[in-house]
Amino acid sequence: MMLRIGVKKLAGLAPRGPPSGPARAAVPPPRLYHERVVDHYNNPRNVGSFDKSDPTVGTGLVGAPACGDVMKLQIKVDEETGKIVDARFKTFGCGSAIASSSVATEWVKGKQMEEVVSIKNTEIAKHLSLPPVKLHCSMLAEDAIKAAVKDYEAKRAKLNGSIDNAKDAPLEKAADA
């Protein structure tokens, strides 16, 4: 019986404090998430992943050791225009972390990479009305965006370097002969 009452109190379904009327102590209301957090948590956008070996895909993997949240955010870039054409995420964490990831994928799609690196965690936190204790979730989303862009740029540089080296290789062989 006590367990049932405890669970109801924890879930906010049972009255708190003494059952008497006017003498009841003031009890703070339970902390509720903003409707946008609940929406992105219940209906997350862009969940999934791309093939990380795809040269048009950048992958950002970040984590917060303090709370255990881990976020993987991937972007798919149109090589001709430099625009992010799609984004996906997988997040292990609380509702705020999942919502922050979902919002981040929505915000990066259709934008140039130069634009998305300017997305700040404060903008995500404000949009979701995150409480101060959950700001680390929006920080993870910002870090994941930047890590995905950095990964894509590193792949492009490596690929371009390989192409340049491949072009130069026959000339070097001819010079050696």
C-alpha atoms as a PDB file:
ATOM      1  CA  MET A   1       0.000   0.000   0.000  1.00  0.00           C
ATOM      2  CA  MET A   2       2.797   2.422   0.926  1.00  0.00           C
ATOM      3  CA  LEU A   3       4.568   1.662  -2.362  1.00  0.00           C
ATOM      4  CA  ARG A   4       1.435   2.540  -4.307  1.00  0.00           C
ATOM      5  CA  ILE A   5       1.072   5.839  -2.483  1.00  0.00           C
ATOM      6  CA  GLY A   6       4.776   6.586  -3.013  1.00  0.00           C
ATOM      7  CA  VAL A   7       4.529   5.913  -6.735  1.00  0.00           C
ATOM      8  CA  LYS A   8       1.423   8.098  -6.998  1.00  0.00           C
ATOM      9  CA  LYS A   9       3.193  10.913  -5.151  1.00  0.00           C
ATOM     10  CA  LEU A  10       6.242  10.570  -7.392  1.00  0.00           C
ATOM     11  CA  ALA A  11       4.049  10.673 -10.485  1.00  0.00           C
ATOM     12  CA  GLY A  12       2.176  13.678  -9.109  1.00  0.00           C
ATOM     13  CA  LEU A  13      -1.139  11.811  -8.940  1.00  0.00           C
ATOM     14  CA  ALA A  14      -1.600  11.814  -5.186  1.00  0.00           C
ATOM     15  CA  PRO A  15      -2.155  14.858  -2.989  1.00  0.00           C
ATOM     16  CA  ARG A  16       0.918  15.948  -1.061  1.00  0.00           C
ATOM     17  CA  GLY A  17       1.029  16.908   2.579  1.00  0.00           C
ATOM     18  CA  PRO A  18      -1.689  16.453   5.164  1.00  0.00           C
ATOM     19  CA  PRO A  19      -5.174  15.845   3.780  1.00  0.00           C
ATOM     20  CA  SER A  20      -6.762  18.677   5.777  1.00  0.00           C
ATOM     21  CA  GLY A  21      -8.096  21.685   3.899  1.00  0.00           C
ATOM     22  CA  PRO A  22      -6.964  25.216   4.788  1.00  0.00           C
ATOM     23  CA  ALA A  23      -4.007  24.171   6.972  1.00  0.00           C
ATOM     24  CA  ARG A  24      -2.218  22.440   4.064  1.00  0.00           C
ATOM     25  CA  ALA A  25       1.317  23.576   3.427  1.00  0.00           C
ATOM     26  CA  ALA A  26       2.069  25.238   0.097  1.00  0.00           C
ATOM     27  CA  VAL A  27       3.499  22.631  -2.231  1.00  0.00           C
ATOM     28  CA  PRO A  28       5.359  23.665  -5.375  1.00  0.00           C
ATOM     29  CA  PRO A  29       3.781  22.359  -8.575  1.00  0.00           C
ATOM     30  CA  PRO A  30       5.587  19.505 -10.296  1.00  0.00           C
ATOM     31  CA  ARG A  31       8.126  20.620 -12.903  1.00  0.00           C
ATOM     32  CA  LEU A  32       6.613  20.231 -16.338  1.00  0.00           C
ATOM     33  CA  TYR A  33       8.352  20.352 -19.691  1.00  0.00           C
ATOM     34  CA  HIS A  34       7.344  22.931 -22.259  1.00  0.00           C
ATOM     35  CA  GLU A  35       4.968  21.628 -24.925  1.00  0.00           C
ATOM     36  CA  ARG A  36       7.707  21.861 -27.594  1.00  0.00           C
ATOM     37  CA  VAL A  37       9.947  19.522 -25.581  1.00  0.00           C
ATOM     38  CA  VAL A  38       7.074  17.090 -25.142  1.00  0.00           C
ATOM     39  CA  ASP A  39       6.235  17.300 -28.868  1.00  0.00           C
ATOM     40  CA  HIS A  40       9.819  16.635 -30.004  1.00  0.00           C
ATOM     41  CA  TYR A  41      10.169  13.865 -27.418  1.00  0.00           C
ATOM     42  CA  ASN A  42       6.909  12.124 -28.362  1.00  0.00           C
ATOM     43  CA  ASN A  43       7.304  12.782 -32.107  1.00  0.00           C
ATOM     44  CA  PRO A  44      11.031  13.124 -32.743  1.00  0.00           C
ATOM     45  CA  ARG A  45      11.965  14.323 -36.197  1.00  0.00           C
ATOM     46  CA  ASN A  46      14.736  12.775 -38.280  1.00  0.00           C
ATOM     47  CA  VAL A  47      15.613   9.790 -36.083  1.00  0.00           C
ATOM     48  CA  GLY A  48      18.059   7.386 -37.676  1.00  0.00           C
ATOM     49  CA  SER A  49      21.465   7.416 -39.254  1.00  0.00           C
ATOM     50  CA  PHE A  50      23.318   7.572 -42.544  1.00  0.00           C
ATOM     51  CA  ASP A  51      26.256   5.467 -43.689  1.00  0.00           C
ATOM     52  CA  LYS A  52      29.172   7.236 -42.017  1.00  0.00           C
ATOM     53  CA  SER A  53      31.547   6.144 -44.796  1.00  0.00           C
ATOM     54  CA  ASP A  54      29.477   8.140 -47.331  1.00  0.00           C
ATOM     55  CA  PRO A  55      31.662  11.112 -48.364  1.00  0.00           C
ATOM     56  CA  THR A  56      28.609  13.418 -48.352  1.00  0.00           C
ATOM     57  CA  VAL A  57      27.863  12.630 -44.692  1.00  0.00           C
ATOM     58  CA  GLY A  58      29.347  14.359 -41.660  1.00  0.00           C
ATOM     59  CA  THR A  59      28.975  12.722 -38.244  1.00  0.00           C
ATOM     60  CA  GLY A  60      29.139  14.441 -34.879  1.00  0.00           C
ATOM     61  CA  LEU A  61      29.268  12.241 -31.778  1.00  0.00           C
ATOM     62  CA  VAL A  62      29.256  14.078 -28.459  1.00  0.00           C
ATOM     63  CA  GLY A  63      28.517  13.193 -24.863  1.00  0.00           C
ATOM     64  CA  ALA A  64      28.080  14.707 -21.420  1.00  0.00           C
ATOM     65  CA  PRO A  65      29.811  12.526 -18.833  1.00  0.00           C
ATOM     66  CA  ALA A  66      28.075  14.329 -15.964  1.00  0.00           C
ATOM     67  CA  CYS A  67      24.615  13.116 -16.958  1.00  0.00           C
ATOM     68  CA  GLY A  68      25.320  10.270 -19.381  1.00  0.00           C
ATOM     69  CA  ASP A  69      23.673  11.844 -22.434  1.00  0.00           C
ATOM     70  CA  VAL A  70      25.185  10.815 -25.782  1.00  0.00           C
ATOM     71  CA  MET A  71      24.180  12.406 -29.068  1.00  0.00           C
ATOM     72  CA  LYS A  72      25.012  11.414 -32.642  1.00  0.00           C
ATOM     73  CA  LEU A  73      23.987  13.945 -35.259  1.00  0.00           C
ATOM     74  CA  GLN A  74      24.647  13.420 -38.957  1.00  0.00           C
ATOM     75  CA  ILE A  75      24.316  15.796 -41.872  1.00  0.00           C
ATOM     76  CA  LYS A  76      24.095  14.950 -45.563  1.00  0.00           C
ATOM     77  CA  VAL A  77      25.539  17.675 -47.781  1.00  0.00           C
ATOM     78  CA  ASP A  78      24.933  18.442 -51.446  1.00  0.00           C
ATOM     79  CA  GLU A  79      28.505  18.607 -52.745  1.00  0.00           C
ATOM     80  CA  GLU A  80      27.625  21.061 -55.519  1.00  0.00           C
ATOM     81  CA  THR A  81      25.803  23.656 -53.415  1.00  0.00           C
ATOM     82  CA  GLY A  82      27.261  23.005 -49.952  1.00  0.00           C
ATOM     83  CA  LYS A  83      23.729  22.892 -48.555  1.00  0.00           C
ATOM     84  CA  ILE A  84      22.684  20.403 -45.918  1.00  0.00           C
ATOM     85  CA  VAL A  85      19.968  18.394 -47.631  1.00  0.00           C
ATOM     86  CA  ASP A  86      19.136  16.023 -44.774  1.00  0.00           C
ATOM     87  CA  ALA A  87      19.980  15.343 -41.137  1.00  0.00           C
ATOM     88  CA  ARG A  88      19.535  12.432 -38.735  1.00  0.00           C
ATOM     89  CA  PHE A  89      20.143  11.838 -35.052  1.00  0.00           C
ATOM     90  CA  LYS A  90      20.319   9.132 -32.444  1.00  0.00           C
ATOM     91  CA  THR A  91      20.383  10.216 -28.812  1.00  0.00           C
ATOM     92  CA  PHE A  92      20.675   8.310 -25.585  1.00  0.00           C
ATOM     93  CA  GLY A  93      19.494  10.630 -22.859  1.00  0.00           C
ATOM     94  CA  CYS A  94      16.682  12.539 -21.253  1.00  0.00           C
ATOM     95  CA  GLY A  95      13.692  14.115 -22.973  1.00  0.00           C
ATOM     96  CA  SER A  96      15.445  17.478 -23.228  1.00  0.00           C
ATOM     97  CA  ALA A  97      18.440  15.897 -24.993  1.00  0.00           C
ATOM     98  CA  ILE A  98      16.179  14.100 -27.464  1.00  0.00           C
ATOM     99  CA  ALA A  99      14.161  17.269 -28.098  1.00  0.00           C
ATOM    100  CA  SER A 100      17.349  19.328 -28.566  1.00  0.00           C
ATOM    101  CA  SER A 101      18.633  16.796 -31.122  1.00  0.00           C
ATOM    102  CA  SER A 102      15.332  16.768 -32.966  1.00  0.00           C
ATOM    103  CA  VAL A 103      15.204  20.575 -33.139  1.00  0.00           C
ATOM    104  CA  ALA A 104      18.832  20.736 -34.286  1.00  0.00           C
ATOM    105  CA  THR A 105      18.154  18.395 -37.232  1.00  0.00           C
ATOM    106  CA  GLU A 106      15.162  20.493 -38.240  1.00  0.00           C
ATOM    107  CA  TRP A 107      17.143  23.732 -38.073  1.00  0.00           C
ATOM    108  CA  VAL A 108      20.156  22.571 -40.108  1.00  0.00           C
ATOM    109  CA  LYS A 109      18.243  21.168 -43.076  1.00  0.00           C
ATOM    110  CA  GLY A 110      18.311  23.423 -46.128  1.00  0.00           C
ATOM    111  CA  LYS A 111      21.067  25.673 -44.766  1.00  0.00           C
ATOM    112  CA  GLN A 112      24.657  26.249 -45.786  1.00  0.00           C
ATOM    113  CA  MET A 113      27.300  24.821 -43.479  1.00  0.00           C
ATOM    114  CA  GLU A 114      28.566  28.314 -42.676  1.00  0.00           C
ATOM    115  CA  GLU A 115      25.094  29.142 -41.346  1.00  0.00           C
ATOM    116  CA  VAL A 116      24.620  26.086 -39.142  1.00  0.00           C
ATOM    117  CA  VAL A 117      27.864  26.509 -37.219  1.00  0.00           C
ATOM    118  CA  SER A 118      26.445  29.804 -35.959  1.00  0.00           C
ATOM    119  CA  ILE A 119      23.449  28.058 -34.316  1.00  0.00           C
ATOM    120  CA  LYS A 120      23.879  28.632 -30.584  1.00  0.00           C
ATOM    121  CA  ASN A 121      22.755  26.440 -27.726  1.00  0.00           C
ATOM    122  CA  THR A 122      20.979  29.464 -26.237  1.00  0.00           C
ATOM    123  CA  GLU A 123      18.709  29.634 -29.295  1.00  0.00           C
ATOM    124  CA  ILE A 124      17.780  25.951 -28.956  1.00  0.00           C
ATOM    125  CA  ALA A 125      17.268  26.320 -25.194  1.00  0.00           C
ATOM    126  CA  LYS A 126      15.073  29.390 -25.689  1.00  0.00           C
ATOM    127  CA  HIS A 127      13.018  27.686 -28.404  1.00  0.00           C
ATOM    128  CA  LEU A 128      12.386  24.685 -26.129  1.00  0.00           C
ATOM    129  CA  SER A 129      12.094  26.780 -22.940  1.00  0.00           C
ATOM    130  CA  LEU A 130      14.640  24.541 -21.237  1.00  0.00           C
ATOM    131  CA  PRO A 131      15.194  25.145 -17.520  1.00  0.00           C
ATOM    132  CA  PRO A 132      18.763  26.036 -16.440  1.00  0.00           C
ATOM    133  CA  VAL A 133      19.369  22.492 -15.183  1.00  0.00           C
ATOM    134  CA  LYS A 134      18.822  21.190 -18.746  1.00  0.00           C
ATOM    135  CA  LEU A 135      20.980  23.682 -20.664  1.00  0.00           C
ATOM    136  CA  HIS A 136      23.665  21.036 -21.153  1.00  0.00           C
ATOM    137  CA  CYS A 137      21.273  19.290 -23.560  1.00  0.00           C
ATOM    138  CA  SER A 138      21.189  22.272 -25.919  1.00  0.00           C
ATOM    139  CA  MET A 139      24.985  22.588 -25.550  1.00  0.00           C
ATOM    140  CA  LEU A 140      25.320  18.995 -26.740  1.00  0.00           C
ATOM    141  CA  ALA A 141      23.188  19.786 -29.788  1.00  0.00           C
ATOM    142  CA  GLU A 142      25.362  22.789 -30.667  1.00  0.00           C
ATOM    143  CA  ASP A 143      28.527  20.722 -30.211  1.00  0.00           C
ATOM    144  CA  ALA A 144      27.086  17.881 -32.328  1.00  0.00           C
ATOM    145  CA  ILE A 145      26.290  20.259 -35.199  1.00  0.00           C
ATOM    146  CA  LYS A 146      29.828  21.665 -35.142  1.00  0.00           C
ATOM    147  CA  ALA A 147      31.358  18.178 -34.901  1.00  0.00           C
ATOM    148  CA  ALA A 148      29.302  16.958 -37.887  1.00  0.00           C
ATOM    149  CA  VAL A 149      30.405  19.927 -40.009  1.00  0.00           C
ATOM    150  CA  LYS A 150      34.040  19.407 -38.955  1.00  0.00           C
ATOM    151  CA  ASP A 151      33.820  15.700 -39.824  1.00  0.00           C
ATOM    152  CA  TYR A 152      32.341  16.459 -43.254  1.00  0.00           C
ATOM    153  CA  GLU A 153      35.033  19.061 -43.964  1.00  0.00           C
ATOM    154  CA  ALA A 154      37.774  16.635 -42.869  1.00  0.00           C
ATOM    155  CA  LYS A 155      36.367  13.965 -45.221  1.00  0.00           C
ATOM    156  CA  ARG A 156      36.268  16.445 -48.085  1.00  0.00           C
ATOM    157  CA  ALA A 157      39.848  17.563 -47.425  1.00  0.00           C
ATOM    158  CA  LYS A 158      41.059  13.966 -47.263  1.00  0.00           C
ATOM    159  CA  LEU A 159      39.145  13.061 -50.423  1.00  0.00           C
ATOM    160  CA  ASN A 160      40.427  16.131 -52.270  1.00  0.00           C
ATOM    161  CA  GLY A 161      43.948  15.383 -51.047  1.00  0.00           C
ATOM    162  CA  SER A 162      43.651  11.816 -52.322  1.00  0.00           C
ATOM    163  CA  ILE A 163      42.398  13.029 -55.685  1.00  0.00           C
ATOM    164  CA  ASP A 164      45.214  15.586 -55.945  1.00  0.00           C
ATOM    165  CA  ASN A 165      47.781  12.933 -54.980  1.00  0.00           C
ATOM    166  CA  ALA A 166      46.329  10.514 -57.530  1.00  0.00           C
ATOM    167  CA  LYS A 167      46.628  13.175 -60.253  1.00  0.00           C
ATOM    168  CA  ASP A 168      50.231  13.911 -59.290  1.00  0.00           C
ATOM    169  CA  ALA A 169      51.274  10.261 -58.965  1.00  0.00           C
ATOM    170  CA  PRO A 170      51.669   9.543 -62.717  1.00  0.00           C
ATOM    171  CA  LEU A 171      53.747  12.708 -63.112  1.00  0.00           C
ATOM    172  CA  GLU A 172      56.027  11.667 -60.252  1.00  0.00           C
ATOM    173  CA  LYS A 173      56.466   8.206 -61.780  1.00  0.00           C
ATOM    174  CA  ALA A 174      57.246   9.740 -65.163  1.00  0.00           C
ATOM    175  CA  ALA A 175      59.796  12.075 -63.571  1.00  0.00           C
ATOM    176  CA  ASP A 176      61.461   9.152 -61.778  1.00  0.00           C
ATOM    177  CA  ALA A 177      61.773   7.122 -65.006  1.00  0.00           C
END
